[in-house]
Amino acid sequence: MKLLNYQRFLLLKYPTETQRLIRELSKHEADFSRALNSRF
């Protein structure tokens, strides 16, 4: 999956910011996937 590779790349380059981002995203992940599923 491209997204995971990108996430890994970001973690290497900007570990703290990315971890904070991922934490934020995981909170909204359910809503996000629901929105994506309804759109596509």
PDB file of N, CA and C in Angstrom:
ATOM      1  N   MET A   1       0.846  -1.201   0.000  1.00  0.00           N
ATOM      2  CA  MET A   1       0.000   0.000   0.000  1.00  0.00           C
ATOM      3  C   MET A   1       0.881   1.252   0.000  1.00  0.00           C
ATOM      4  N   LYS A   2       0.589   2.148  -0.905  1.00  0.00           N
ATOM      5  CA  LYS A   2       1.423   3.340  -1.035  1.00  0.00           C
ATOM      6  C   LYS A   2       1.423   4.183   0.233  1.00  0.00           C
ATOM      7  N   LEU A   3       0.261   4.311   0.836  1.00  0.00           N
ATOM      8  CA  LEU A   3       0.122   5.168   2.002  1.00  0.00           C
ATOM      9  C   LEU A   3       1.042   4.735   3.135  1.00  0.00           C
ATOM     10  N   LEU A   4       1.152   3.423   3.350  1.00  0.00           N
ATOM     11  CA  LEU A   4       2.012   2.924   4.413  1.00  0.00           C
ATOM     12  C   LEU A   4       3.475   3.228   4.137  1.00  0.00           C
ATOM     13  N   ASN A   5       3.893   3.086   2.892  1.00  0.00           N
ATOM     14  CA  ASN A   5       5.272   3.417   2.543  1.00  0.00           C
ATOM     15  C   ASN A   5       5.545   4.893   2.791  1.00  0.00           C
ATOM     16  N   TYR A   6       4.598   5.721   2.430  1.00  0.00           N
ATOM     17  CA  TYR A   6       4.723   7.161   2.620  1.00  0.00           C
ATOM     18  C   TYR A   6       4.792   7.496   4.107  1.00  0.00           C
ATOM     19  N   GLN A   7       3.956   6.802   4.877  1.00  0.00           N
ATOM     20  CA  GLN A   7       3.939   6.993   6.317  1.00  0.00           C
ATOM     21  C   GLN A   7       5.287   6.626   6.927  1.00  0.00           C
ATOM     22  N   ARG A   8       5.863   5.520   6.441  1.00  0.00           N
ATOM     23  CA  ARG A   8       7.159   5.077   6.941  1.00  0.00           C
ATOM     24  C   ARG A   8       8.238   6.101   6.593  1.00  0.00           C
ATOM     25  N   PHE A   9       8.150   6.629   5.383  1.00  0.00           N
ATOM     26  CA  PHE A   9       9.097   7.654   4.935  1.00  0.00           C
ATOM     27  C   PHE A   9       9.002   8.898   5.817  1.00  0.00           C
ATOM     28  N   LEU A  10       7.771   9.315   6.096  1.00  0.00           N
ATOM     29  CA  LEU A  10       7.574  10.486   6.940  1.00  0.00           C
ATOM     30  C   LEU A  10       8.092  10.249   8.351  1.00  0.00           C
ATOM     31  N   LEU A  11       7.874   9.034   8.863  1.00  0.00           N
ATOM     32  CA  LEU A  11       8.355   8.717  10.201  1.00  0.00           C
ATOM     33  C   LEU A  11       9.873   8.819  10.282  1.00  0.00           C
ATOM     34  N   LEU A  12      10.547   8.440   9.216  1.00  0.00           N
ATOM     35  CA  LEU A  12      12.004   8.544   9.203  1.00  0.00           C
ATOM     36  C   LEU A  12      12.453  10.003   9.144  1.00  0.00           C
ATOM     37  N   LYS A  13      11.762  10.786   8.335  1.00  0.00           N
ATOM     38  CA  LYS A  13      12.172  12.174   8.146  1.00  0.00           C
ATOM     39  C   LYS A  13      11.711  13.088   9.287  1.00  0.00           C
ATOM     40  N   TYR A  14      10.451  12.958   9.658  1.00  0.00           N
ATOM     41  CA  TYR A  14       9.913  13.822  10.710  1.00  0.00           C
ATOM     42  C   TYR A  14       9.197  12.989  11.766  1.00  0.00           C
ATOM     43  N   PRO A  15       9.958  12.307  12.612  1.00  0.00           N
ATOM     44  CA  PRO A  15       9.333  11.340  13.530  1.00  0.00           C
ATOM     45  C   PRO A  15       8.273  11.932  14.464  1.00  0.00           C
ATOM     46  N   THR A  16       8.589  13.028  15.158  1.00  0.00           N
ATOM     47  CA  THR A  16       7.640  13.514  16.165  1.00  0.00           C
ATOM     48  C   THR A  16       6.378  14.087  15.543  1.00  0.00           C
ATOM     49  N   GLU A  17       6.554  14.913  14.501  1.00  0.00           N
ATOM     50  CA  GLU A  17       5.386  15.509  13.862  1.00  0.00           C
ATOM     51  C   GLU A  17       4.493  14.436  13.261  1.00  0.00           C
ATOM     52  N   THR A  18       5.123  13.455  12.630  1.00  0.00           N
ATOM     53  CA  THR A  18       4.356  12.407  11.966  1.00  0.00           C
ATOM     54  C   THR A  18       3.598  11.563  12.972  1.00  0.00           C
ATOM     55  N   GLN A  19       4.245  11.250  14.098  1.00  0.00           N
ATOM     56  CA  GLN A  19       3.554  10.448  15.105  1.00  0.00           C
ATOM     57  C   GLN A  19       2.342  11.183  15.649  1.00  0.00           C
ATOM     58  N   ARG A  20       2.486  12.491  15.829  1.00  0.00           N
ATOM     59  CA  ARG A  20       1.348  13.277  16.292  1.00  0.00           C
ATOM     60  C   ARG A  20       0.238  13.259  15.254  1.00  0.00           C
ATOM     61  N   LEU A  21       0.631  13.414  13.990  1.00  0.00           N
ATOM     62  CA  LEU A  21      -0.332  13.384  12.893  1.00  0.00           C
ATOM     63  C   LEU A  21      -1.059  12.052  12.818  1.00  0.00           C
ATOM     64  N   ILE A  22      -0.284  10.966  12.911  1.00  0.00           N
ATOM     65  CA  ILE A  22      -0.873   9.628  12.833  1.00  0.00           C
ATOM     66  C   ILE A  22      -1.846   9.413  13.991  1.00  0.00           C
ATOM     67  N   ARG A  23      -1.482   9.913  15.164  1.00  0.00           N
ATOM     68  CA  ARG A  23      -2.362   9.774  16.324  1.00  0.00           C
ATOM     69  C   ARG A  23      -3.665  10.513  16.065  1.00  0.00           C
ATOM     70  N   GLU A  24      -3.560  11.724  15.531  1.00  0.00           N
ATOM     71  CA  GLU A  24      -4.749  12.502  15.191  1.00  0.00           C
ATOM     72  C   GLU A  24      -5.584  11.790  14.138  1.00  0.00           C
ATOM     73  N   LEU A  25      -4.898  11.281  13.110  1.00  0.00           N
ATOM     74  CA  LEU A  25      -5.605  10.612  12.021  1.00  0.00           C
ATOM     75  C   LEU A  25      -6.309   9.358  12.500  1.00  0.00           C
ATOM     76  N   SER A  26      -5.654   8.604  13.374  1.00  0.00           N
ATOM     77  CA  SER A  26      -6.258   7.349  13.822  1.00  0.00           C
ATOM     78  C   SER A  26      -7.530   7.612  14.627  1.00  0.00           C
ATOM     79  N   LYS A  27      -7.590   8.773  15.280  1.00  0.00           N
ATOM     80  CA  LYS A  27      -8.824   9.141  15.979  1.00  0.00           C
ATOM     81  C   LYS A  27      -9.978   9.279  14.993  1.00  0.00           C
ATOM     82  N   HIS A  28      -9.656   9.846  13.828  1.00  0.00           N
ATOM     83  CA  HIS A  28     -10.691  10.139  12.846  1.00  0.00           C
ATOM     84  C   HIS A  28     -10.758   9.096  11.745  1.00  0.00           C
ATOM     85  N   GLU A  29      -9.982   8.028  11.905  1.00  0.00           N
ATOM     86  CA  GLU A  29      -9.876   7.052  10.825  1.00  0.00           C
ATOM     87  C   GLU A  29     -11.217   6.423  10.479  1.00  0.00           C
ATOM     88  N   ALA A  30     -11.995   6.095  11.477  1.00  0.00           N
ATOM     89  CA  ALA A  30     -13.298   5.483  11.231  1.00  0.00           C
ATOM     90  C   ALA A  30     -14.193   6.432  10.433  1.00  0.00           C
ATOM     91  N   ASP A  31     -14.228   7.683  10.860  1.00  0.00           N
ATOM     92  CA  ASP A  31     -15.028   8.678  10.144  1.00  0.00           C
ATOM     93  C   ASP A  31     -14.508   8.873   8.733  1.00  0.00           C
ATOM     94  N   PHE A  32     -13.181   8.890   8.614  1.00  0.00           N
ATOM     95  CA  PHE A  32     -12.552   9.107   7.321  1.00  0.00           C
ATOM     96  C   PHE A  32     -12.896   7.988   6.350  1.00  0.00           C
ATOM     97  N   SER A  33     -12.757   6.755   6.804  1.00  0.00           N
ATOM     98  CA  SER A  33     -13.050   5.627   5.912  1.00  0.00           C
ATOM     99  C   SER A  33     -14.536   5.589   5.571  1.00  0.00           C
ATOM    100  N   ARG A  34     -15.373   5.982   6.511  1.00  0.00           N
ATOM    101  CA  ARG A  34     -16.805   6.036   6.247  1.00  0.00           C
ATOM    102  C   ARG A  34     -17.089   7.082   5.162  1.00  0.00           C
ATOM    103  N   ALA A  35     -16.421   8.227   5.259  1.00  0.00           N
ATOM    104  CA  ALA A  35     -16.597   9.283   4.264  1.00  0.00           C
ATOM    105  C   ALA A  35     -16.109   8.815   2.899  1.00  0.00           C
ATOM    106  N   LEU A  36     -14.966   8.135   2.882  1.00  0.00           N
ATOM    107  CA  LEU A  36     -14.429   7.629   1.617  1.00  0.00           C
ATOM    108  C   LEU A  36     -15.365   6.610   0.998  1.00  0.00           C
ATOM    109  N   ASN A  37     -15.877   5.711   1.823  1.00  0.00           N
ATOM    110  CA  ASN A  37     -16.764   4.673   1.307  1.00  0.00           C
ATOM    111  C   ASN A  37     -18.045   5.271   0.739  1.00  0.00           C
ATOM    112  N   SER A  38     -18.552   6.297   1.366  1.00  0.00           N
ATOM    113  CA  SER A  38     -19.781   6.910   0.860  1.00  0.00           C
ATOM    114  C   SER A  38     -19.511   7.693  -0.424  1.00  0.00           C
ATOM    115  N   ARG A  39     -18.281   8.195  -0.564  1.00  0.00           N
ATOM    116  CA  ARG A  39     -17.959   8.972  -1.757  1.00  0.00           C
ATOM    117  C   ARG A  39     -17.678   8.077  -2.951  1.00  0.00           C
ATOM    118  N   PHE A  40     -16.991   6.963  -2.720  1.00  0.00           N
ATOM    119  CA  PHE A  40     -16.621   6.078  -3.834  1.00  0.00           C
ATOM    120  C   PHE A  40     -17.431   4.793  -3.804  1.00  0.00           C
TER     121      PHE A  40
END
